[in-house]
Amino acid sequence: MSGRLIVLDVDSTLITSEVIERIAARAGTEPEVAAVTEAAMRGEIDFAESLRQRVATLAGVPDTVFRDVIDEVEFTPGAEELISTLQERGWTAALVSGGFEEIVADLASTVNIDLFRANRLEVIDGALTGRTIGPVIDRAAKAAALREYCAQLGLDPADAVAVGDGANDLDMMAAAGLGIAFNAKPVVQEQADAAVNEPSLMAVIDIIDARTAPRP
Protein backbone atom coordinates (compact mmCIF):
# COMPACT_ATOMS: atom_id res chain seq x y z
CA MET A 1 0.00 0.00 0.00
CA SER A 2 1.26 3.47 -0.82
CA GLY A 3 1.13 6.24 1.73
CA ARG A 4 0.49 8.83 -0.94
CA LEU A 5 -1.15 9.17 -4.36
CA ILE A 6 -0.46 11.62 -7.17
CA VAL A 7 -2.99 11.92 -9.97
CA LEU A 8 -1.88 13.72 -13.11
CA ASP A 9 -3.82 15.13 -16.02
CA VAL A 10 -2.27 14.07 -19.34
CA ASP A 11 -2.67 16.56 -22.20
CA SER A 12 -0.63 19.73 -21.59
CA THR A 13 0.40 18.39 -18.16
CA LEU A 14 2.11 15.01 -18.48
CA ILE A 15 2.73 15.66 -22.18
CA THR A 16 3.35 18.91 -24.01
CA SER A 17 0.45 18.77 -26.47
CA GLU A 18 -3.27 18.12 -26.84
CA VAL A 19 -3.70 14.69 -28.44
CA ILE A 20 -7.05 15.52 -29.97
CA GLU A 21 -5.41 18.36 -31.90
CA ARG A 22 -2.78 15.94 -33.24
CA ILE A 23 -5.54 13.68 -34.50
CA ALA A 24 -7.50 16.65 -35.86
CA ALA A 25 -4.46 17.66 -37.91
CA ARG A 26 -5.01 14.46 -39.91
CA ALA A 27 -8.67 15.31 -40.35
CA GLY A 28 -7.96 18.88 -41.46
CA THR A 29 -9.92 20.26 -38.50
CA GLU A 30 -7.10 21.31 -36.14
CA PRO A 31 -7.92 25.06 -35.96
CA GLU A 32 -11.58 24.35 -35.19
CA VAL A 33 -10.71 21.73 -32.59
CA ALA A 34 -8.02 23.89 -30.96
CA ALA A 35 -10.49 26.75 -30.53
CA VAL A 36 -13.01 24.51 -28.77
CA THR A 37 -10.26 22.97 -26.61
CA GLU A 38 -9.16 26.40 -25.47
CA ALA A 39 -12.72 27.43 -24.59
CA ALA A 40 -13.24 24.23 -22.61
CA MET A 41 -9.97 24.60 -20.70
CA ARG A 42 -10.93 28.14 -19.75
CA GLY A 43 -14.25 26.80 -18.46
CA GLU A 44 -16.32 28.63 -21.07
CA ILE A 45 -17.97 25.51 -22.50
CA ASP A 46 -19.07 22.27 -20.85
CA PHE A 47 -16.40 19.62 -21.31
CA ALA A 48 -18.74 16.84 -22.45
CA GLU A 49 -20.22 19.10 -25.11
CA SER A 50 -16.77 20.26 -26.20
CA LEU A 51 -15.64 16.65 -26.48
CA ARG A 52 -18.66 15.75 -28.59
CA GLN A 53 -18.05 18.69 -30.93
CA ARG A 54 -14.35 17.98 -31.33
CA VAL A 55 -14.58 14.21 -31.74
CA ALA A 56 -17.28 14.62 -34.40
CA THR A 57 -14.71 16.32 -36.62
CA LEU A 58 -12.48 13.22 -36.53
CA ALA A 59 -14.83 10.91 -38.40
CA GLY A 60 -13.07 8.96 -41.12
CA VAL A 61 -9.53 9.24 -39.76
CA PRO A 62 -7.79 5.81 -39.99
CA ASP A 63 -7.12 4.14 -36.67
CA THR A 64 -3.41 4.02 -37.57
CA VAL A 65 -3.46 7.59 -36.22
CA PHE A 66 -3.01 6.21 -32.70
CA ARG A 67 0.46 4.86 -33.43
CA ASP A 68 1.36 8.01 -35.34
CA VAL A 69 0.39 10.22 -32.40
CA ILE A 70 2.13 8.00 -29.85
CA ASP A 71 5.31 8.41 -31.89
CA GLU A 72 4.86 12.19 -31.96
CA VAL A 73 3.90 13.15 -28.43
CA GLU A 74 6.57 14.24 -25.97
CA PHE A 75 6.59 14.07 -22.22
CA THR A 76 6.70 17.44 -20.50
CA PRO A 77 10.25 18.13 -19.25
CA GLY A 78 10.60 16.61 -15.80
CA ALA A 79 7.49 14.41 -16.09
CA GLU A 80 9.26 11.06 -16.09
CA GLU A 81 11.63 12.23 -13.35
CA LEU A 82 8.75 13.43 -11.18
CA ILE A 83 6.92 10.13 -11.44
CA SER A 84 9.98 7.96 -10.85
CA THR A 85 11.08 10.12 -7.89
CA LEU A 86 7.71 9.80 -6.18
CA GLN A 87 7.49 6.09 -6.97
CA GLU A 88 10.87 5.62 -5.33
CA ARG A 89 9.44 7.35 -2.26
CA GLY A 90 6.62 4.79 -2.17
CA TRP A 91 3.95 6.89 -3.84
CA THR A 92 1.41 5.55 -6.34
CA ALA A 93 1.01 7.55 -9.55
CA ALA A 94 -2.16 7.59 -11.65
CA LEU A 95 -3.31 9.29 -14.84
CA VAL A 96 -6.81 10.66 -15.41
CA SER A 97 -7.42 12.23 -18.79
CA GLY A 98 -10.12 13.88 -20.83
CA GLY A 99 -8.06 12.58 -23.75
CA PHE A 100 -8.05 9.07 -25.12
CA GLU A 101 -7.23 5.68 -23.66
CA GLU A 102 -5.70 4.58 -26.96
CA ILE A 103 -2.83 7.01 -26.27
CA VAL A 104 -2.90 7.21 -22.46
CA ALA A 105 -2.43 3.45 -22.03
CA ASP A 106 0.86 3.59 -23.92
CA LEU A 107 2.06 6.65 -21.97
CA ALA A 108 1.14 4.98 -18.67
CA SER A 109 3.11 1.88 -19.57
CA THR A 110 6.17 3.96 -20.41
CA VAL A 111 6.26 5.50 -16.92
CA ASN A 112 5.25 2.31 -15.05
CA ILE A 113 1.76 3.47 -14.13
CA ASP A 114 -1.03 0.91 -13.75
CA LEU A 115 -3.90 3.22 -12.79
CA PHE A 116 -5.30 5.34 -15.60
CA ARG A 117 -8.63 6.44 -16.99
CA ALA A 118 -9.52 8.24 -20.22
CA ASN A 119 -12.14 8.50 -22.92
CA ARG A 120 -12.33 5.92 -25.70
CA LEU A 121 -12.83 6.60 -29.39
CA GLU A 122 -15.18 4.41 -31.40
CA VAL A 123 -13.55 2.66 -34.35
CA ILE A 124 -15.48 0.76 -37.02
CA ASP A 125 -13.86 -0.84 -40.07
CA GLY A 126 -10.48 0.69 -39.24
CA ALA A 127 -11.65 4.30 -39.01
CA LEU A 128 -12.82 6.69 -36.31
CA THR A 129 -16.58 7.20 -36.36
CA GLY A 130 -16.58 10.65 -34.75
CA ARG A 131 -18.04 9.27 -31.53
CA THR A 132 -16.73 8.12 -28.16
CA ILE A 133 -17.79 4.93 -26.39
CA GLY A 134 -18.35 4.45 -22.70
CA PRO A 135 -18.68 7.14 -20.05
CA VAL A 136 -17.28 10.60 -20.73
CA ILE A 137 -14.32 11.43 -18.51
CA ASP A 138 -15.29 14.96 -17.59
CA ARG A 139 -14.40 16.99 -14.50
CA ALA A 140 -16.80 15.03 -12.26
CA ALA A 141 -15.48 11.71 -13.56
CA LYS A 142 -11.89 12.81 -12.91
CA ALA A 143 -12.75 13.57 -9.29
CA ALA A 144 -14.59 10.25 -8.98
CA ALA A 145 -11.54 8.41 -10.34
CA LEU A 146 -9.28 10.05 -7.75
CA ARG A 147 -11.63 8.99 -4.95
CA GLU A 148 -11.85 5.45 -6.34
CA TYR A 149 -8.08 5.15 -6.51
CA CYS A 150 -7.81 6.37 -2.92
CA ALA A 151 -10.35 3.77 -1.79
CA GLN A 152 -8.50 1.08 -3.72
CA LEU A 153 -5.22 2.04 -2.02
CA GLY A 154 -6.75 2.50 1.42
CA LEU A 155 -6.01 6.21 1.42
CA ASP A 156 -7.93 9.29 2.43
CA PRO A 157 -8.28 11.77 -0.45
CA ALA A 158 -6.46 14.20 1.86
CA ASP A 159 -3.37 12.06 1.14
CA ALA A 160 -3.70 12.64 -2.61
CA VAL A 161 -2.12 15.28 -4.82
CA ALA A 162 -3.78 16.26 -8.13
CA VAL A 163 -1.98 18.13 -10.90
CA GLY A 164 -3.65 19.67 -13.94
CA ASP A 165 -3.92 22.67 -16.22
CA GLY A 166 -7.53 23.05 -17.36
CA ALA A 167 -11.00 23.67 -15.95
CA ASN A 168 -11.72 19.96 -16.44
CA ASP A 169 -9.22 19.30 -13.62
CA LEU A 170 -10.80 21.56 -11.00
CA ASP A 171 -13.05 18.97 -9.33
CA MET A 172 -10.18 16.48 -9.15
CA MET A 173 -7.92 19.11 -7.64
CA ALA A 174 -10.59 20.08 -5.11
CA ALA A 175 -11.10 16.45 -4.10
CA ALA A 176 -7.39 15.99 -3.37
CA GLY A 177 -5.61 17.17 -0.27
CA LEU A 178 -3.38 19.27 -2.51
CA GLY A 179 -4.36 20.58 -5.94
CA ILE A 180 -1.53 21.97 -8.07
CA ALA A 181 -2.05 24.03 -11.22
CA PHE A 182 0.71 23.42 -13.76
CA ASN A 183 1.15 26.18 -16.37
CA ALA A 184 -2.59 26.41 -16.09
CA LYS A 185 -5.39 28.60 -17.34
CA PRO A 186 -6.14 31.60 -15.08
CA VAL A 187 -9.35 30.09 -13.68
CA VAL A 188 -7.39 27.02 -12.59
CA GLN A 189 -4.53 28.99 -11.04
CA GLU A 190 -7.05 31.03 -9.06
CA GLN A 191 -8.75 27.97 -7.56
CA ALA A 192 -5.77 25.66 -7.05
CA ASP A 193 -4.01 25.27 -3.71
CA ALA A 194 -0.72 26.06 -5.43
CA ALA A 195 0.48 26.99 -8.91
CA VAL A 196 3.63 26.10 -10.83
CA ASN A 197 4.60 28.23 -13.82
CA GLU A 198 7.85 26.55 -14.79
CA PRO A 199 8.85 24.52 -17.86
CA SER A 200 9.65 21.41 -15.81
CA LEU A 201 7.08 19.27 -14.05
CA MET A 202 9.75 18.48 -11.46
CA ALA A 203 8.96 21.91 -9.95
CA VAL A 204 5.89 20.19 -8.49
CA ILE A 205 8.21 18.32 -6.11
CA ASP A 206 9.08 21.53 -4.27
CA ILE A 207 5.41 22.22 -3.56
CA ILE A 208 4.77 18.63 -2.52
CA ASP A 209 7.73 18.69 -0.15
CA ALA A 210 6.58 21.99 1.34
CA ARG A 211 2.90 21.08 1.67
CA THR A 212 2.81 17.37 2.56
CA ALA A 213 4.14 16.08 5.84
CA PRO A 214 6.49 13.09 5.63
CA ARG A 215 5.19 9.69 6.57
CA PRO A 216 6.73 8.14 9.71
C-alpha atoms as a PDB file:
ATOM      1  CA  MET A   1       0.000   0.000   0.000  1.00  0.00           C
ATOM      2  CA  SER A   2       1.261   3.467  -0.820  1.00  0.00           C
ATOM      3  CA  GLY A   3       1.132   6.239   1.734  1.00  0.00           C
ATOM      4  CA  ARG A   4       0.486   8.833  -0.942  1.00  0.00           C
ATOM      5  CA  LEU A   5      -1.147   9.167  -4.360  1.00  0.00           C
ATOM      6  CA  ILE A   6      -0.460  11.621  -7.165  1.00  0.00           C
ATOM      7  CA  VAL A   7      -2.993  11.924  -9.973  1.00  0.00           C
ATOM      8  CA  LEU A   8      -1.880  13.718 -13.112  1.00  0.00           C
ATOM      9  CA  ASP A   9      -3.823  15.125 -16.017  1.00  0.00           C
ATOM     10  CA  VAL A  10      -2.272  14.073 -19.336  1.00  0.00           C
ATOM     11  CA  ASP A  11      -2.673  16.558 -22.200  1.00  0.00           C
ATOM     12  CA  SER A  12      -0.630  19.734 -21.589  1.00  0.00           C
ATOM     13  CA  THR A  13       0.397  18.391 -18.161  1.00  0.00           C
ATOM     14  CA  LEU A  14       2.114  15.005 -18.481  1.00  0.00           C
ATOM     15  CA  ILE A  15       2.725  15.664 -22.181  1.00  0.00           C
ATOM     16  CA  THR A  16       3.346  18.912 -24.012  1.00  0.00           C
ATOM     17  CA  SER A  17       0.448  18.771 -26.473  1.00  0.00           C
ATOM     18  CA  GLU A  18      -3.268  18.119 -26.836  1.00  0.00           C
ATOM     19  CA  VAL A  19      -3.695  14.692 -28.435  1.00  0.00           C
ATOM     20  CA  ILE A  20      -7.051  15.524 -29.972  1.00  0.00           C
ATOM     21  CA  GLU A  21      -5.410  18.358 -31.903  1.00  0.00           C
ATOM     22  CA  ARG A  22      -2.781  15.937 -33.236  1.00  0.00           C
ATOM     23  CA  ILE A  23      -5.544  13.682 -34.498  1.00  0.00           C
ATOM     24  CA  ALA A  24      -7.498  16.645 -35.855  1.00  0.00           C
ATOM     25  CA  ALA A  25      -4.459  17.661 -37.914  1.00  0.00           C
ATOM     26  CA  ARG A  26      -5.006  14.455 -39.909  1.00  0.00           C
ATOM     27  CA  ALA A  27      -8.673  15.313 -40.354  1.00  0.00           C
ATOM     28  CA  GLY A  28      -7.958  18.882 -41.458  1.00  0.00           C
ATOM     29  CA  THR A  29      -9.920  20.261 -38.498  1.00  0.00           C
ATOM     30  CA  GLU A  30      -7.105  21.314 -36.142  1.00  0.00           C
ATOM     31  CA  PRO A  31      -7.924  25.063 -35.961  1.00  0.00           C
ATOM     32  CA  GLU A  32     -11.578  24.353 -35.190  1.00  0.00           C
ATOM     33  CA  VAL A  33     -10.713  21.727 -32.591  1.00  0.00           C
ATOM     34  CA  ALA A  34      -8.023  23.889 -30.961  1.00  0.00           C
ATOM     35  CA  ALA A  35     -10.489  26.749 -30.530  1.00  0.00           C
ATOM     36  CA  VAL A  36     -13.012  24.507 -28.771  1.00  0.00           C
ATOM     37  CA  THR A  37     -10.259  22.972 -26.609  1.00  0.00           C
ATOM     38  CA  GLU A  38      -9.160  26.404 -25.465  1.00  0.00           C
ATOM     39  CA  ALA A  39     -12.716  27.428 -24.587  1.00  0.00           C
ATOM     40  CA  ALA A  40     -13.238  24.228 -22.611  1.00  0.00           C
ATOM     41  CA  MET A  41      -9.967  24.600 -20.705  1.00  0.00           C
ATOM     42  CA  ARG A  42     -10.934  28.140 -19.748  1.00  0.00           C
ATOM     43  CA  GLY A  43     -14.245  26.801 -18.458  1.00  0.00           C
ATOM     44  CA  GLU A  44     -16.320  28.629 -21.074  1.00  0.00           C
ATOM     45  CA  ILE A  45     -17.966  25.506 -22.498  1.00  0.00           C
ATOM     46  CA  ASP A  46     -19.073  22.273 -20.849  1.00  0.00           C
ATOM     47  CA  PHE A  47     -16.399  19.619 -21.311  1.00  0.00           C
ATOM     48  CA  ALA A  48     -18.736  16.841 -22.445  1.00  0.00           C
ATOM     49  CA  GLU A  49     -20.224  19.100 -25.109  1.00  0.00           C
ATOM     50  CA  SER A  50     -16.768  20.263 -26.195  1.00  0.00           C
ATOM     51  CA  LEU A  51     -15.636  16.653 -26.483  1.00  0.00           C
ATOM     52  CA  ARG A  52     -18.663  15.752 -28.594  1.00  0.00           C
ATOM     53  CA  GLN A  53     -18.050  18.692 -30.932  1.00  0.00           C
ATOM     54  CA  ARG A  54     -14.346  17.983 -31.327  1.00  0.00           C
ATOM     55  CA  VAL A  55     -14.579  14.212 -31.743  1.00  0.00           C
ATOM     56  CA  ALA A  56     -17.282  14.623 -34.397  1.00  0.00           C
ATOM     57  CA  THR A  57     -14.708  16.318 -36.625  1.00  0.00           C
ATOM     58  CA  LEU A  58     -12.476  13.223 -36.526  1.00  0.00           C
ATOM     59  CA  ALA A  59     -14.829  10.909 -38.404  1.00  0.00           C
ATOM     60  CA  GLY A  60     -13.065   8.957 -41.116  1.00  0.00           C
ATOM     61  CA  VAL A  61      -9.526   9.237 -39.758  1.00  0.00           C
ATOM     62  CA  PRO A  62      -7.792   5.814 -39.994  1.00  0.00           C
ATOM     63  CA  ASP A  63      -7.120   4.136 -36.666  1.00  0.00           C
ATOM     64  CA  THR A  64      -3.411   4.021 -37.573  1.00  0.00           C
ATOM     65  CA  VAL A  65      -3.458   7.591 -36.219  1.00  0.00           C
ATOM     66  CA  PHE A  66      -3.010   6.212 -32.702  1.00  0.00           C
ATOM     67  CA  ARG A  67       0.459   4.861 -33.433  1.00  0.00           C
ATOM     68  CA  ASP A  68       1.357   8.010 -35.337  1.00  0.00           C
ATOM     69  CA  VAL A  69       0.386  10.216 -32.403  1.00  0.00           C
ATOM     70  CA  ILE A  70       2.131   7.998 -29.846  1.00  0.00           C
ATOM     71  CA  ASP A  71       5.305   8.412 -31.886  1.00  0.00           C
ATOM     72  CA  GLU A  72       4.864  12.194 -31.961  1.00  0.00           C
ATOM     73  CA  VAL A  73       3.895  13.153 -28.426  1.00  0.00           C
ATOM     74  CA  GLU A  74       6.567  14.237 -25.974  1.00  0.00           C
ATOM     75  CA  PHE A  75       6.586  14.073 -22.215  1.00  0.00           C
ATOM     76  CA  THR A  76       6.702  17.441 -20.499  1.00  0.00           C
ATOM     77  CA  PRO A  77      10.246  18.128 -19.249  1.00  0.00           C
ATOM     78  CA  GLY A  78      10.596  16.605 -15.796  1.00  0.00           C
ATOM     79  CA  ALA A  79       7.495  14.410 -16.091  1.00  0.00           C
ATOM     80  CA  GLU A  80       9.257  11.063 -16.090  1.00  0.00           C
ATOM     81  CA  GLU A  81      11.631  12.227 -13.351  1.00  0.00           C
ATOM     82  CA  LEU A  82       8.749  13.433 -11.177  1.00  0.00           C
ATOM     83  CA  ILE A  83       6.924  10.126 -11.445  1.00  0.00           C
ATOM     84  CA  SER A  84       9.980   7.963 -10.846  1.00  0.00           C
ATOM     85  CA  THR A  85      11.081  10.116  -7.888  1.00  0.00           C
ATOM     86  CA  LEU A  86       7.705   9.799  -6.179  1.00  0.00           C
ATOM     87  CA  GLN A  87       7.485   6.087  -6.973  1.00  0.00           C
ATOM     88  CA  GLU A  88      10.875   5.618  -5.326  1.00  0.00           C
ATOM     89  CA  ARG A  89       9.435   7.345  -2.258  1.00  0.00           C
ATOM     90  CA  GLY A  90       6.622   4.794  -2.173  1.00  0.00           C
ATOM     91  CA  TRP A  91       3.946   6.893  -3.838  1.00  0.00           C
ATOM     92  CA  THR A  92       1.414   5.547  -6.335  1.00  0.00           C
ATOM     93  CA  ALA A  93       1.009   7.553  -9.547  1.00  0.00           C
ATOM     94  CA  ALA A  94      -2.158   7.586 -11.648  1.00  0.00           C
ATOM     95  CA  LEU A  95      -3.306   9.290 -14.842  1.00  0.00           C
ATOM     96  CA  VAL A  96      -6.805  10.663 -15.410  1.00  0.00           C
ATOM     97  CA  SER A  97      -7.418  12.229 -18.789  1.00  0.00           C
ATOM     98  CA  GLY A  98     -10.117  13.882 -20.832  1.00  0.00           C
ATOM     99  CA  GLY A  99      -8.058  12.575 -23.752  1.00  0.00           C
ATOM    100  CA  PHE A 100      -8.051   9.074 -25.123  1.00  0.00           C
ATOM    101  CA  GLU A 101      -7.230   5.680 -23.663  1.00  0.00           C
ATOM    102  CA  GLU A 102      -5.701   4.578 -26.959  1.00  0.00           C
ATOM    103  CA  ILE A 103      -2.833   7.007 -26.270  1.00  0.00           C
ATOM    104  CA  VAL A 104      -2.903   7.208 -22.462  1.00  0.00           C
ATOM    105  CA  ALA A 105      -2.426   3.447 -22.026  1.00  0.00           C
ATOM    106  CA  ASP A 106       0.856   3.595 -23.919  1.00  0.00           C
ATOM    107  CA  LEU A 107       2.059   6.646 -21.968  1.00  0.00           C
ATOM    108  CA  ALA A 108       1.140   4.982 -18.667  1.00  0.00           C
ATOM    109  CA  SER A 109       3.109   1.880 -19.573  1.00  0.00           C
ATOM    110  CA  THR A 110       6.172   3.963 -20.413  1.00  0.00           C
ATOM    111  CA  VAL A 111       6.261   5.502 -16.920  1.00  0.00           C
ATOM    112  CA  ASN A 112       5.248   2.309 -15.054  1.00  0.00           C
ATOM    113  CA  ILE A 113       1.755   3.473 -14.132  1.00  0.00           C
ATOM    114  CA  ASP A 114      -1.029   0.915 -13.749  1.00  0.00           C
ATOM    115  CA  LEU A 115      -3.897   3.224 -12.786  1.00  0.00           C
ATOM    116  CA  PHE A 116      -5.298   5.336 -15.601  1.00  0.00           C
ATOM    117  CA  ARG A 117      -8.633   6.439 -16.987  1.00  0.00           C
ATOM    118  CA  ALA A 118      -9.521   8.240 -20.220  1.00  0.00           C
ATOM    119  CA  ASN A 119     -12.143   8.496 -22.918  1.00  0.00           C
ATOM    120  CA  ARG A 120     -12.328   5.917 -25.696  1.00  0.00           C
ATOM    121  CA  LEU A 121     -12.832   6.595 -29.388  1.00  0.00           C
ATOM    122  CA  GLU A 122     -15.184   4.410 -31.397  1.00  0.00           C
ATOM    123  CA  VAL A 123     -13.551   2.656 -34.352  1.00  0.00           C
ATOM    124  CA  ILE A 124     -15.481   0.765 -37.019  1.00  0.00           C
ATOM    125  CA  ASP A 125     -13.862  -0.840 -40.073  1.00  0.00           C
ATOM    126  CA  GLY A 126     -10.477   0.687 -39.241  1.00  0.00           C
ATOM    127  CA  ALA A 127     -11.646   4.301 -39.009  1.00  0.00           C
ATOM    128  CA  LEU A 128     -12.821   6.690 -36.311  1.00  0.00           C
ATOM    129  CA  THR A 129     -16.577   7.199 -36.356  1.00  0.00           C
ATOM    130  CA  GLY A 130     -16.577  10.649 -34.755  1.00  0.00           C
ATOM    131  CA  ARG A 131     -18.042   9.275 -31.526  1.00  0.00           C
ATOM    132  CA  THR A 132     -16.732   8.116 -28.156  1.00  0.00           C
ATOM    133  CA  ILE A 133     -17.788   4.933 -26.391  1.00  0.00           C
ATOM    134  CA  GLY A 134     -18.349   4.454 -22.697  1.00  0.00           C
ATOM    135  CA  PRO A 135     -18.683   7.143 -20.049  1.00  0.00           C
ATOM    136  CA  VAL A 136     -17.277  10.597 -20.727  1.00  0.00           C
ATOM    137  CA  ILE A 137     -14.319  11.430 -18.512  1.00  0.00           C
ATOM    138  CA  ASP A 138     -15.293  14.964 -17.594  1.00  0.00           C
ATOM    139  CA  ARG A 139     -14.402  16.985 -14.497  1.00  0.00           C
ATOM    140  CA  ALA A 140     -16.796  15.032 -12.264  1.00  0.00           C
ATOM    141  CA  ALA A 141     -15.477  11.707 -13.563  1.00  0.00           C
ATOM    142  CA  LYS A 142     -11.890  12.810 -12.914  1.00  0.00           C
ATOM    143  CA  ALA A 143     -12.746  13.568  -9.287  1.00  0.00           C
ATOM    144  CA  ALA A 144     -14.585  10.248  -8.983  1.00  0.00           C
ATOM    145  CA  ALA A 145     -11.539   8.412 -10.341  1.00  0.00           C
ATOM    146  CA  LEU A 146      -9.283  10.047  -7.752  1.00  0.00           C
ATOM    147  CA  ARG A 147     -11.630   8.994  -4.954  1.00  0.00           C
ATOM    148  CA  GLU A 148     -11.847   5.450  -6.336  1.00  0.00           C
ATOM    149  CA  TYR A 149      -8.079   5.151  -6.512  1.00  0.00           C
ATOM    150  CA  CYS A 150      -7.807   6.375  -2.921  1.00  0.00           C
ATOM    151  CA  ALA A 151     -10.347   3.774  -1.792  1.00  0.00           C
ATOM    152  CA  GLN A 152      -8.498   1.076  -3.720  1.00  0.00           C
ATOM    153  CA  LEU A 153      -5.222   2.039  -2.021  1.00  0.00           C
ATOM    154  CA  GLY A 154      -6.751   2.498   1.417  1.00  0.00           C
ATOM    155  CA  LEU A 155      -6.013   6.211   1.424  1.00  0.00           C
ATOM    156  CA  ASP A 156      -7.934   9.286   2.433  1.00  0.00           C
ATOM    157  CA  PRO A 157      -8.275  11.773  -0.452  1.00  0.00           C
ATOM    158  CA  ALA A 158      -6.456  14.200   1.858  1.00  0.00           C
ATOM    159  CA  ASP A 159      -3.372  12.063   1.139  1.00  0.00           C
ATOM    160  CA  ALA A 160      -3.700  12.639  -2.613  1.00  0.00           C
ATOM    161  CA  VAL A 161      -2.124  15.277  -4.825  1.00  0.00           C
ATOM    162  CA  ALA A 162      -3.777  16.257  -8.129  1.00  0.00           C
ATOM    163  CA  VAL A 163      -1.976  18.129 -10.903  1.00  0.00           C
ATOM    164  CA  GLY A 164      -3.654  19.666 -13.939  1.00  0.00           C
ATOM    165  CA  ASP A 165      -3.924  22.665 -16.218  1.00  0.00           C
ATOM    166  CA  GLY A 166      -7.534  23.055 -17.363  1.00  0.00           C
ATOM    167  CA  ALA A 167     -11.004  23.671 -15.947  1.00  0.00           C
ATOM    168  CA  ASN A 168     -11.720  19.965 -16.442  1.00  0.00           C
ATOM    169  CA  ASP A 169      -9.220  19.297 -13.618  1.00  0.00           C
ATOM    170  CA  LEU A 170     -10.804  21.561 -10.998  1.00  0.00           C
ATOM    171  CA  ASP A 171     -13.053  18.974  -9.328  1.00  0.00           C
ATOM    172  CA  MET A 172     -10.184  16.480  -9.146  1.00  0.00           C
ATOM    173  CA  MET A 173      -7.918  19.111  -7.638  1.00  0.00           C
ATOM    174  CA  ALA A 174     -10.590  20.084  -5.113  1.00  0.00           C
ATOM    175  CA  ALA A 175     -11.098  16.449  -4.105  1.00  0.00           C
ATOM    176  CA  ALA A 176      -7.395  15.991  -3.374  1.00  0.00           C
ATOM    177  CA  GLY A 177      -5.610  17.171  -0.269  1.00  0.00           C
ATOM    178  CA  LEU A 178      -3.380  19.270  -2.514  1.00  0.00           C
ATOM    179  CA  GLY A 179      -4.357  20.581  -5.939  1.00  0.00           C
ATOM    180  CA  ILE A 180      -1.530  21.967  -8.066  1.00  0.00           C
ATOM    181  CA  ALA A 181      -2.046  24.028 -11.219  1.00  0.00           C
ATOM    182  CA  PHE A 182       0.712  23.425 -13.760  1.00  0.00           C
ATOM    183  CA  ASN A 183       1.155  26.177 -16.371  1.00  0.00           C
ATOM    184  CA  ALA A 184      -2.593  26.406 -16.091  1.00  0.00           C
ATOM    185  CA  LYS A 185      -5.392  28.597 -17.341  1.00  0.00           C
ATOM    186  CA  PRO A 186      -6.135  31.603 -15.078  1.00  0.00           C
ATOM    187  CA  VAL A 187      -9.350  30.091 -13.680  1.00  0.00           C
ATOM    188  CA  VAL A 188      -7.388  27.022 -12.590  1.00  0.00           C
ATOM    189  CA  GLN A 189      -4.529  28.986 -11.037  1.00  0.00           C
ATOM    190  CA  GLU A 190      -7.050  31.026  -9.059  1.00  0.00           C
ATOM    191  CA  GLN A 191      -8.755  27.966  -7.563  1.00  0.00           C
ATOM    192  CA  ALA A 192      -5.769  25.655  -7.049  1.00  0.00           C
ATOM    193  CA  ASP A 193      -4.014  25.272  -3.708  1.00  0.00           C
ATOM    194  CA  ALA A 194      -0.723  26.063  -5.430  1.00  0.00           C
ATOM    195  CA  ALA A 195       0.481  26.991  -8.907  1.00  0.00           C
ATOM    196  CA  VAL A 196       3.631  26.097 -10.831  1.00  0.00           C
ATOM    197  CA  ASN A 197       4.604  28.228 -13.817  1.00  0.00           C
ATOM    198  CA  GLU A 198       7.853  26.552 -14.790  1.00  0.00           C
ATOM    199  CA  PRO A 199       8.853  24.519 -17.856  1.00  0.00           C
ATOM    200  CA  SER A 200       9.654  21.408 -15.810  1.00  0.00           C
ATOM    201  CA  LEU A 201       7.083  19.269 -14.055  1.00  0.00           C
ATOM    202  CA  MET A 202       9.748  18.482 -11.459  1.00  0.00           C
ATOM    203  CA  ALA A 203       8.962  21.910  -9.947  1.00  0.00           C
ATOM    204  CA  VAL A 204       5.886  20.187  -8.493  1.00  0.00           C
ATOM    205  CA  ILE A 205       8.209  18.323  -6.111  1.00  0.00           C
ATOM    206  CA  ASP A 206       9.080  21.527  -4.272  1.00  0.00           C
ATOM    207  CA  ILE A 207       5.410  22.220  -3.558  1.00  0.00           C
ATOM    208  CA  ILE A 208       4.765  18.630  -2.523  1.00  0.00           C
ATOM    209  CA  ASP A 209       7.726  18.693  -0.147  1.00  0.00           C
ATOM    210  CA  ALA A 210       6.585  21.990   1.345  1.00  0.00           C
ATOM    211  CA  ARG A 211       2.901  21.082   1.669  1.00  0.00           C
ATOM    212  CA  THR A 212       2.815  17.368   2.560  1.00  0.00           C
ATOM    213  CA  ALA A 213       4.138  16.077   5.838  1.00  0.00           C
ATOM    214  CA  PRO A 214       6.488  13.091   5.629  1.00  0.00           C
ATOM    215  CA  ARG A 215       5.191   9.689   6.569  1.00  0.00           C
ATOM    216  CA  PRO A 216       6.726   8.140   9.706  1.00  0.00           C
END
